[in-house]
Amino acid sequence: ILDAITDKTILISVMLANNEIGTIQPIKEIAEKIREYSDKN
């Protein structure tokens, strides 16, 4: 996710739990990475 961010990125959307296979995503970790990038840049 972090590697895909560009200077034009305004929105990121990642589901918390998948409706088909049930996988629970690391939303908190992703949010922390986004916040660190945003603060730094």
All heavy atoms as atom14 arrays in JSON, in Angstrom:
{
  "sequence": "ILDAITDKTILISVMLANNEIGTIQPIKEIAEKIREYSDKN",
  "atom14_mask": [
    [1, 1, 1, 1, 1, 1, 1, 1, 0, 0, 0, 0, 0, 0],
    [1, 1, 1, 1, 1, 1, 1, 1, 0, 0, 0, 0, 0, 0],
    [1, 1, 1, 1, 1, 1, 1, 1, 0, 0, 0, 0, 0, 0],
    [1, 1, 1, 1, 1, 0, 0, 0, 0, 0, 0, 0, 0, 0],
    [1, 1, 1, 1, 1, 1, 1, 1, 0, 0, 0, 0, 0, 0],
    [1, 1, 1, 1, 1, 1, 1, 0, 0, 0, 0, 0, 0, 0],
    [1, 1, 1, 1, 1, 1, 1, 1, 0, 0, 0, 0, 0, 0],
    [1, 1, 1, 1, 1, 1, 1, 1, 1, 0, 0, 0, 0, 0],
    [1, 1, 1, 1, 1, 1, 1, 0, 0, 0, 0, 0, 0, 0],
    [1, 1, 1, 1, 1, 1, 1, 1, 0, 0, 0, 0, 0, 0],
    [1, 1, 1, 1, 1, 1, 1, 1, 0, 0, 0, 0, 0, 0],
    [1, 1, 1, 1, 1, 1, 1, 1, 0, 0, 0, 0, 0, 0],
    [1, 1, 1, 1, 1, 1, 0, 0, 0, 0, 0, 0, 0, 0],
    [1, 1, 1, 1, 1, 1, 1, 0, 0, 0, 0, 0, 0, 0],
    [1, 1, 1, 1, 1, 1, 1, 1, 0, 0, 0, 0, 0, 0],
    [1, 1, 1, 1, 1, 1, 1, 1, 0, 0, 0, 0, 0, 0],
    [1, 1, 1, 1, 1, 0, 0, 0, 0, 0, 0, 0, 0, 0],
    [1, 1, 1, 1, 1, 1, 1, 1, 0, 0, 0, 0, 0, 0],
    [1, 1, 1, 1, 1, 1, 1, 1, 0, 0, 0, 0, 0, 0],
    [1, 1, 1, 1, 1, 1, 1, 1, 1, 0, 0, 0, 0, 0],
    [1, 1, 1, 1, 1, 1, 1, 1, 0, 0, 0, 0, 0, 0],
    [1, 1, 1, 1, 0, 0, 0, 0, 0, 0, 0, 0, 0, 0],
    [1, 1, 1, 1, 1, 1, 1, 0, 0, 0, 0, 0, 0, 0],
    [1, 1, 1, 1, 1, 1, 1, 1, 0, 0, 0, 0, 0, 0],
    [1, 1, 1, 1, 1, 1, 1, 1, 1, 0, 0, 0, 0, 0],
    [1, 1, 1, 1, 1, 1, 1, 0, 0, 0, 0, 0, 0, 0],
    [1, 1, 1, 1, 1, 1, 1, 1, 0, 0, 0, 0, 0, 0],
    [1, 1, 1, 1, 1, 1, 1, 1, 1, 0, 0, 0, 0, 0],
    [1, 1, 1, 1, 1, 1, 1, 1, 1, 0, 0, 0, 0, 0],
    [1, 1, 1, 1, 1, 1, 1, 1, 0, 0, 0, 0, 0, 0],
    [1, 1, 1, 1, 1, 0, 0, 0, 0, 0, 0, 0, 0, 0],
    [1, 1, 1, 1, 1, 1, 1, 1, 1, 0, 0, 0, 0, 0],
    [1, 1, 1, 1, 1, 1, 1, 1, 1, 0, 0, 0, 0, 0],
    [1, 1, 1, 1, 1, 1, 1, 1, 0, 0, 0, 0, 0, 0],
    [1, 1, 1, 1, 1, 1, 1, 1, 1, 1, 1, 0, 0, 0],
    [1, 1, 1, 1, 1, 1, 1, 1, 1, 0, 0, 0, 0, 0],
    [1, 1, 1, 1, 1, 1, 1, 1, 1, 1, 1, 1, 0, 0],
    [1, 1, 1, 1, 1, 1, 0, 0, 0, 0, 0, 0, 0, 0],
    [1, 1, 1, 1, 1, 1, 1, 1, 0, 0, 0, 0, 0, 0],
    [1, 1, 1, 1, 1, 1, 1, 1, 1, 0, 0, 0, 0, 0],
    [1, 1, 1, 1, 1, 1, 1, 1, 0, 0, 0, 0, 0, 0]
  ],
  "atom14_positions": [
    [[0.85, -1.2, 0.0], [0.0, 0.0, 0.0], [0.88, 1.24, 0.0], [0.69, 2.18, -0.79], [-0.94, 0.02, 1.23], [-1.94, -1.15, 1.19], [-1.66, 1.37, 1.34], [-3.08, -0.99, 0.25], [0.0, 0.0, 0.0], [0.0, 0.0, 0.0], [0.0, 0.0, 0.0], [0.0, 0.0, 0.0], [0.0, 0.0, 0.0], [0.0, 0.0, 0.0]],
    [[1.86, 1.26, 0.9], [2.74, 2.42, 1.04], [3.52, 2.67, -0.25], [3.66, 3.83, -0.68], [3.7, 2.2, 2.21], [4.45, 3.42, 2.73], [3.49, 4.43, 3.32], [5.48, 3.0, 3.78], [0.0, 0.0, 0.0], [0.0, 0.0, 0.0], [0.0, 0.0, 0.0], [0.0, 0.0, 0.0], [0.0, 0.0, 0.0], [0.0, 0.0, 0.0]],
    [[4.0, 1.6, -0.86], [4.79, 1.73, -2.09], [3.97, 2.29, -3.25], [4.53, 2.84, -4.2], [5.39, 0.38, -2.49], [6.51, -0.08, -1.56], [7.01, 0.77, -0.78], [6.85, -1.27, -1.6], [0.0, 0.0, 0.0], [0.0, 0.0, 0.0], [0.0, 0.0, 0.0], [0.0, 0.0, 0.0], [0.0, 0.0, 0.0], [0.0, 0.0, 0.0]],
    [[2.65, 2.12, -3.19], [1.79, 2.57, -4.29], [1.42, 4.04, -4.17], [0.89, 4.63, -5.12], [0.52, 1.72, -4.33], [0.0, 0.0, 0.0], [0.0, 0.0, 0.0], [0.0, 0.0, 0.0], [0.0, 0.0, 0.0], [0.0, 0.0, 0.0], [0.0, 0.0, 0.0], [0.0, 0.0, 0.0], [0.0, 0.0, 0.0], [0.0, 0.0, 0.0]],
    [[1.67, 4.66, -3.02], [1.31, 6.06, -2.82], [2.16, 6.97, -3.72], [3.37, 6.8, -3.83], [1.47, 6.47, -1.34], [0.5, 5.69, -0.46], [1.25, 7.97, -1.16], [0.66, 5.94, 1.03], [0.0, 0.0, 0.0], [0.0, 0.0, 0.0], [0.0, 0.0, 0.0], [0.0, 0.0, 0.0], [0.0, 0.0, 0.0], [0.0, 0.0, 0.0]],
    [[1.49, 7.93, -4.34], [2.18, 8.94, -5.16], [1.84, 10.33, -4.6], [1.05, 10.46, -3.67], [1.73, 8.86, -6.63], [0.39, 9.38, -6.75], [1.76, 7.43, -7.15], [0.0, 0.0, 0.0], [0.0, 0.0, 0.0], [0.0, 0.0, 0.0], [0.0, 0.0, 0.0], [0.0, 0.0, 0.0], [0.0, 0.0, 0.0], [0.0, 0.0, 0.0]],
    [[2.4, 11.35, -5.23], [2.1, 12.71, -4.77], [0.68, 13.13, -5.12], [0.21, 14.18, -4.68], [3.11, 13.71, -5.33], [3.13, 13.73, -6.86], [2.43, 12.91, -7.49], [3.85, 14.59, -7.42], [0.0, 0.0, 0.0], [0.0, 0.0, 0.0], [0.0, 0.0, 0.0], [0.0, 0.0, 0.0], [0.0, 0.0, 0.0], [0.0, 0.0, 0.0]],
    [[-0.03, 12.29, -5.89], [-1.41, 12.59, -6.24], [-2.43, 11.72, -5.49], [-3.64, 11.84, -5.71], [-1.62, 12.41, -7.75], [-0.82, 13.39, -8.6], [-1.16, 13.25, -10.07], [-0.35, 14.22, -10.92], [-0.64, 15.63, -10.59], [0.0, 0.0, 0.0], [0.0, 0.0, 0.0], [0.0, 0.0, 0.0], [0.0, 0.0, 0.0], [0.0, 0.0, 0.0]],
    [[-1.95, 10.86, -4.58], [-2.85, 9.98, -3.84], [-3.68, 10.78, -2.83], [-3.13, 11.55, -2.04], [-2.07, 8.89, -3.09], [-1.26, 8.16, -4.04], [-3.02, 7.92, -2.39], [0.0, 0.0, 0.0], [0.0, 0.0, 0.0], [0.0, 0.0, 0.0], [0.0, 0.0, 0.0], [0.0, 0.0, 0.0], [0.0, 0.0, 0.0], [0.0, 0.0, 0.0]],
    [[-5.0, 10.58, -2.86], [-5.9, 11.29, -1.93], [-6.74, 10.33, -1.09], [-7.25, 10.72, -0.04], [-6.84, 12.25, -2.69], [-7.61, 11.5, -3.8], [-6.06, 13.43, -3.26], [-8.66, 12.34, -4.5], [0.0, 0.0, 0.0], [0.0, 0.0, 0.0], [0.0, 0.0, 0.0], [0.0, 0.0, 0.0], [0.0, 0.0, 0.0], [0.0, 0.0, 0.0]],
    [[-6.88, 9.08, -1.54], [-7.79, 8.15, -0.86], [-7.29, 6.72, -0.97], [-6.84, 6.29, -2.04], [-9.2, 8.26, -1.46], [-10.25, 7.24, -1.0], [-10.57, 7.42, 0.48], [-11.52, 7.38, -1.83], [0.0, 0.0, 0.0], [0.0, 0.0, 0.0], [0.0, 0.0, 0.0], [0.0, 0.0, 0.0], [0.0, 0.0, 0.0], [0.0, 0.0, 0.0]],
    [[-7.39, 5.98, 0.13], [-7.09, 4.55, 0.16], [-8.27, 3.83, 0.79], [-8.8, 4.27, 1.81], [-5.8, 4.27, 0.96], [-4.59, 4.95, 0.29], [-5.56, 2.77, 1.09], [-3.32, 4.91, 1.1], [0.0, 0.0, 0.0], [0.0, 0.0, 0.0], [0.0, 0.0, 0.0], [0.0, 0.0, 0.0], [0.0, 0.0, 0.0], [0.0, 0.0, 0.0]],
    [[-8.72, 2.73, 0.16], [-9.85, 1.96, 0.68], [-9.48, 0.49, 0.74], [-9.17, -0.12, -0.29], [-11.09, 2.15, -0.21], [-12.19, 1.42, 0.31], [0.0, 0.0, 0.0], [0.0, 0.0, 0.0], [0.0, 0.0, 0.0], [0.0, 0.0, 0.0], [0.0, 0.0, 0.0], [0.0, 0.0, 0.0], [0.0, 0.0, 0.0], [0.0, 0.0, 0.0]],
    [[-9.48, -0.07, 1.95], [-9.17, -1.49, 2.17], [-10.22, -2.07, 3.11], [-10.44, -1.54, 4.19], [-7.77, -1.68, 2.79], [-7.47, -3.17, 3.01], [-6.69, -1.04, 1.91], [0.0, 0.0, 0.0], [0.0, 0.0, 0.0], [0.0, 0.0, 0.0], [0.0, 0.0, 0.0], [0.0, 0.0, 0.0], [0.0, 0.0, 0.0], [0.0, 0.0, 0.0]],
    [[-10.85, -3.17, 2.71], [-11.9, -3.76, 3.54], [-11.33, -4.37, 4.82], [-10.21, -4.88, 4.82], [-12.72, -4.78, 2.75], [-11.99, -6.04, 2.39], [-12.81, -7.04, 1.12], [-14.54, -6.78, 1.37], [0.0, 0.0, 0.0], [0.0, 0.0, 0.0], [0.0, 0.0, 0.0], [0.0, 0.0, 0.0], [0.0, 0.0, 0.0], [0.0, 0.0, 0.0]],
    [[-12.13, -4.33, 5.88], [-11.68, -4.89, 7.16], [-11.7, -6.42, 7.13], [-10.75, -7.07, 7.57], [-12.56, -4.36, 8.29], [-12.27, -4.84, 9.71], [-10.8, -4.75, 10.07], [-13.11, -4.03, 10.7], [0.0, 0.0, 0.0], [0.0, 0.0, 0.0], [0.0, 0.0, 0.0], [0.0, 0.0, 0.0], [0.0, 0.0, 0.0], [0.0, 0.0, 0.0]],
    [[-12.79, -7.0, 6.63], [-12.91, -8.46, 6.54], [-13.58, -8.82, 5.23], [-14.6, -8.22, 4.87], [-13.72, -9.01, 7.72], [0.0, 0.0, 0.0], [0.0, 0.0, 0.0], [0.0, 0.0, 0.0], [0.0, 0.0, 0.0], [0.0, 0.0, 0.0], [0.0, 0.0, 0.0], [0.0, 0.0, 0.0], [0.0, 0.0, 0.0], [0.0, 0.0, 0.0]],
    [[-13.0, -9.78, 4.52], [-13.5, -10.11, 3.2], [-14.8, -10.9, 3.26], [-14.95, -11.84, 4.05], [-12.45, -10.89, 2.41], [-12.87, -11.12, 0.97], [-13.42, -12.15, 0.62], [-12.65, -10.12, 0.13], [0.0, 0.0, 0.0], [0.0, 0.0, 0.0], [0.0, 0.0, 0.0], [0.0, 0.0, 0.0], [0.0, 0.0, 0.0], [0.0, 0.0, 0.0]],
    [[-15.74, -10.54, 2.41], [-17.07, -11.16, 2.42], [-17.08, -12.58, 1.88], [-17.97, -13.37, 2.2], [-18.05, -10.3, 1.61], [-17.55, -10.0, 0.22], [-16.5, -9.39, 0.04], [-18.3, -10.41, -0.79], [0.0, 0.0, 0.0], [0.0, 0.0, 0.0], [0.0, 0.0, 0.0], [0.0, 0.0, 0.0], [0.0, 0.0, 0.0], [0.0, 0.0, 0.0]],
    [[-16.09, -12.96, 1.08], [-16.07, -14.31, 0.51], [-15.21, -15.27, 1.33], [-15.67, -16.35, 1.71], [-15.59, -14.27, -0.94], [-16.57, -13.58, -1.88], [-16.24, -13.83, -3.34], [-15.79, -14.95, -3.66], [-16.43, -12.91, -4.16], [0.0, 0.0, 0.0], [0.0, 0.0, 0.0], [0.0, 0.0, 0.0], [0.0, 0.0, 0.0], [0.0, 0.0, 0.0]],
    [[-13.96, -14.89, 1.58], [-13.04, -15.83, 2.24], [-12.77, -15.47, 3.7], [-12.04, -16.18, 4.39], [-11.71, -15.94, 1.48], [-10.99, -14.59, 1.39], [-11.95, -16.51, 0.08], [-9.61, -14.66, 0.75], [0.0, 0.0, 0.0], [0.0, 0.0, 0.0], [0.0, 0.0, 0.0], [0.0, 0.0, 0.0], [0.0, 0.0, 0.0], [0.0, 0.0, 0.0]],
    [[-13.34, -14.37, 4.19], [-13.29, -14.07, 5.61], [-12.0, -13.48, 6.13], [-11.89, -13.18, 7.33], [0.0, 0.0, 0.0], [0.0, 0.0, 0.0], [0.0, 0.0, 0.0], [0.0, 0.0, 0.0], [0.0, 0.0, 0.0], [0.0, 0.0, 0.0], [0.0, 0.0, 0.0], [0.0, 0.0, 0.0], [0.0, 0.0, 0.0], [0.0, 0.0, 0.0]],
    [[-10.99, -13.3, 5.29], [-9.69, -12.8, 5.73], [-9.82, -11.42, 6.37], [-10.46, -10.52, 5.82], [-8.71, -12.72, 4.54], [-8.56, -14.03, 3.98], [-7.36, -12.18, 4.97], [0.0, 0.0, 0.0], [0.0, 0.0, 0.0], [0.0, 0.0, 0.0], [0.0, 0.0, 0.0], [0.0, 0.0, 0.0], [0.0, 0.0, 0.0], [0.0, 0.0, 0.0]],
    [[-9.19, -11.25, 7.53], [-9.21, -9.99, 8.26], [-7.91, -9.24, 7.96], [-6.82, -9.74, 8.22], [-9.36, -10.23, 9.78], [-10.67, -10.98, 10.06], [-9.32, -8.9, 10.54], [-10.78, -11.48, 11.49], [0.0, 0.0, 0.0], [0.0, 0.0, 0.0], [0.0, 0.0, 0.0], [0.0, 0.0, 0.0], [0.0, 0.0, 0.0], [0.0, 0.0, 0.0]],
    [[-8.04, -8.04, 7.42], [-6.88, -7.27, 6.98], [-6.22, -6.49, 8.12], [-6.89, -6.12, 9.09], [-7.28, -6.3, 5.86], [-7.85, -6.96, 4.63], [-6.83, -7.8, 3.86], [-5.64, -7.82, 4.18], [-7.31, -8.54, 2.87], [0.0, 0.0, 0.0], [0.0, 0.0, 0.0], [0.0, 0.0, 0.0], [0.0, 0.0, 0.0], [0.0, 0.0, 0.0]],
    [[-4.93, -6.19, 8.0], [-4.2, -5.43, 9.03], [-4.48, -3.93, 8.93], [-3.59, -3.13, 8.63], [-2.74, -5.77, 8.73], [-2.71, -5.98, 7.25], [-4.02, -6.64, 6.9], [0.0, 0.0, 0.0], [0.0, 0.0, 0.0], [0.0, 0.0, 0.0], [0.0, 0.0, 0.0], [0.0, 0.0, 0.0], [0.0, 0.0, 0.0], [0.0, 0.0, 0.0]],
    [[-5.72, -3.55, 9.16], [-6.15, -2.17, 8.95], [-5.38, -1.19, 9.84], [-4.96, -0.12, 9.39], [-7.67, -2.03, 9.19], [-8.45, -2.88, 8.17], [-8.1, -0.58, 9.13], [-8.23, -2.49, 6.73], [0.0, 0.0, 0.0], [0.0, 0.0, 0.0], [0.0, 0.0, 0.0], [0.0, 0.0, 0.0], [0.0, 0.0, 0.0], [0.0, 0.0, 0.0]],
    [[-5.18, -1.55, 11.09], [-4.47, -0.65, 12.01], [-3.05, -0.4, 11.52], [-2.57, 0.75, 11.54], [-4.45, -1.25, 13.42], [-3.79, -0.36, 14.45], [-3.9, -0.97, 15.85], [-3.25, -0.08, 16.89], [-3.4, -0.66, 18.27], [0.0, 0.0, 0.0], [0.0, 0.0, 0.0], [0.0, 0.0, 0.0], [0.0, 0.0, 0.0], [0.0, 0.0, 0.0]],
    [[-2.36, -1.45, 11.08], [-0.99, -1.3, 10.58], [-0.97, -0.42, 9.33], [-0.09, 0.45, 9.19], [-0.39, -2.67, 10.26], [1.03, -2.61, 9.73], [1.54, -3.94, 9.22], [0.81, -4.96, 9.34], [2.68, -3.98, 8.71], [0.0, 0.0, 0.0], [0.0, 0.0, 0.0], [0.0, 0.0, 0.0], [0.0, 0.0, 0.0], [0.0, 0.0, 0.0]],
    [[-1.92, -0.65, 8.42], [-1.98, 0.16, 7.19], [-2.22, 1.62, 7.54], [-1.58, 2.53, 6.99], [-3.09, -0.38, 6.26], [-2.73, -1.78, 5.77], [-3.28, 0.57, 5.07], [-3.86, -2.49, 5.04], [0.0, 0.0, 0.0], [0.0, 0.0, 0.0], [0.0, 0.0, 0.0], [0.0, 0.0, 0.0], [0.0, 0.0, 0.0], [0.0, 0.0, 0.0]],
    [[-3.15, 1.87, 8.48], [-3.45, 3.25, 8.88], [-2.22, 3.94, 9.47], [-1.97, 5.12, 9.19], [-4.6, 3.25, 9.89], [0.0, 0.0, 0.0], [0.0, 0.0, 0.0], [0.0, 0.0, 0.0], [0.0, 0.0, 0.0], [0.0, 0.0, 0.0], [0.0, 0.0, 0.0], [0.0, 0.0, 0.0], [0.0, 0.0, 0.0], [0.0, 0.0, 0.0]],
    [[-1.45, 3.21, 10.26], [-0.25, 3.79, 10.87], [0.77, 4.16, 9.79], [1.41, 5.23, 9.87], [0.36, 2.79, 11.86], [-0.46, 2.63, 13.13], [0.04, 1.5, 14.02], [0.91, 0.72, 13.56], [-0.43, 1.4, 15.17], [0.0, 0.0, 0.0], [0.0, 0.0, 0.0], [0.0, 0.0, 0.0], [0.0, 0.0, 0.0], [0.0, 0.0, 0.0]],
    [[0.93, 3.3, 8.77], [1.86, 3.57, 7.68], [1.42, 4.79, 6.88], [2.25, 5.63, 6.48], [1.98, 2.35, 6.76], [2.57, 1.11, 7.42], [4.03, 1.29, 7.78], [4.63, 0.0, 8.32], [6.03, 0.18, 8.78], [0.0, 0.0, 0.0], [0.0, 0.0, 0.0], [0.0, 0.0, 0.0], [0.0, 0.0, 0.0], [0.0, 0.0, 0.0]],
    [[0.11, 4.88, 6.63], [-0.41, 6.03, 5.89], [-0.17, 7.32, 6.67], [0.25, 8.34, 6.11], [-1.92, 5.85, 5.61], [-2.16, 4.66, 4.67], [-2.52, 7.13, 5.0], [-3.63, 4.28, 4.55], [0.0, 0.0, 0.0], [0.0, 0.0, 0.0], [0.0, 0.0, 0.0], [0.0, 0.0, 0.0], [0.0, 0.0, 0.0], [0.0, 0.0, 0.0]],
    [[-0.43, 7.27, 7.97], [-0.26, 8.46, 8.82], [1.21, 8.88, 8.87], [1.53, 10.08, 8.78], [-0.79, 8.18, 10.22], [-0.85, 9.4, 11.12], [-1.78, 9.18, 12.29], [-1.44, 7.97, 13.03], [-2.21, 6.87, 13.06], [-3.35, 6.84, 12.38], [-1.85, 5.81, 13.76], [0.0, 0.0, 0.0], [0.0, 0.0, 0.0], [0.0, 0.0, 0.0]],
    [[2.12, 7.91, 8.99], [3.55, 8.23, 9.02], [3.97, 8.89, 7.71], [4.71, 9.88, 7.71], [4.36, 6.95, 9.25], [4.25, 6.38, 10.66], [4.89, 5.01, 10.78], [5.5, 4.54, 9.79], [4.77, 4.39, 11.85], [0.0, 0.0, 0.0], [0.0, 0.0, 0.0], [0.0, 0.0, 0.0], [0.0, 0.0, 0.0], [0.0, 0.0, 0.0]],
    [[3.5, 8.33, 6.59], [3.85, 8.9, 5.29], [3.29, 10.31, 5.15], [4.0, 11.23, 4.69], [3.3, 8.01, 4.17], [3.57, 8.56, 2.79], [4.7, 8.18, 2.07], [2.69, 9.47, 2.19], [4.96, 8.69, 0.81], [2.95, 10.0, 0.94], [4.08, 9.61, 0.25], [4.34, 10.13, -1.0], [0.0, 0.0, 0.0], [0.0, 0.0, 0.0]],
    [[2.03, 10.49, 5.55], [1.39, 11.79, 5.42], [2.09, 12.85, 6.26], [2.33, 13.97, 5.81], [-0.09, 11.69, 5.83], [-0.78, 10.8, 4.98], [0.0, 0.0, 0.0], [0.0, 0.0, 0.0], [0.0, 0.0, 0.0], [0.0, 0.0, 0.0], [0.0, 0.0, 0.0], [0.0, 0.0, 0.0], [0.0, 0.0, 0.0], [0.0, 0.0, 0.0]],
    [[2.44, 12.49, 7.49], [3.13, 13.44, 8.37], [4.5, 13.81, 7.82], [4.92, 14.98, 7.87], [3.27, 12.84, 9.78], [1.94, 12.71, 10.5], [0.96, 13.33, 10.05], [1.88, 11.97, 11.51], [0.0, 0.0, 0.0], [0.0, 0.0, 0.0], [0.0, 0.0, 0.0], [0.0, 0.0, 0.0], [0.0, 0.0, 0.0], [0.0, 0.0, 0.0]],
    [[5.21, 12.82, 7.31], [6.56, 13.05, 6.79], [6.55, 13.9, 5.54], [7.45, 14.74, 5.33], [7.22, 11.7, 6.51], [8.65, 11.81, 5.97], [9.25, 10.43, 5.71], [10.65, 10.54, 5.14], [11.24, 9.2, 4.86], [0.0, 0.0, 0.0], [0.0, 0.0, 0.0], [0.0, 0.0, 0.0], [0.0, 0.0, 0.0], [0.0, 0.0, 0.0]],
    [[5.52, 13.72, 4.7], [5.49, 14.39, 3.4], [4.5, 15.54, 3.32], [4.32, 16.13, 2.24], [5.18, 13.36, 2.31], [6.28, 12.32, 2.15], [7.27, 12.56, 1.47], [6.11, 11.16, 2.79], [0.0, 0.0, 0.0], [0.0, 0.0, 0.0], [0.0, 0.0, 0.0], [0.0, 0.0, 0.0], [0.0, 0.0, 0.0], [0.0, 0.0, 0.0]]
  ]
}
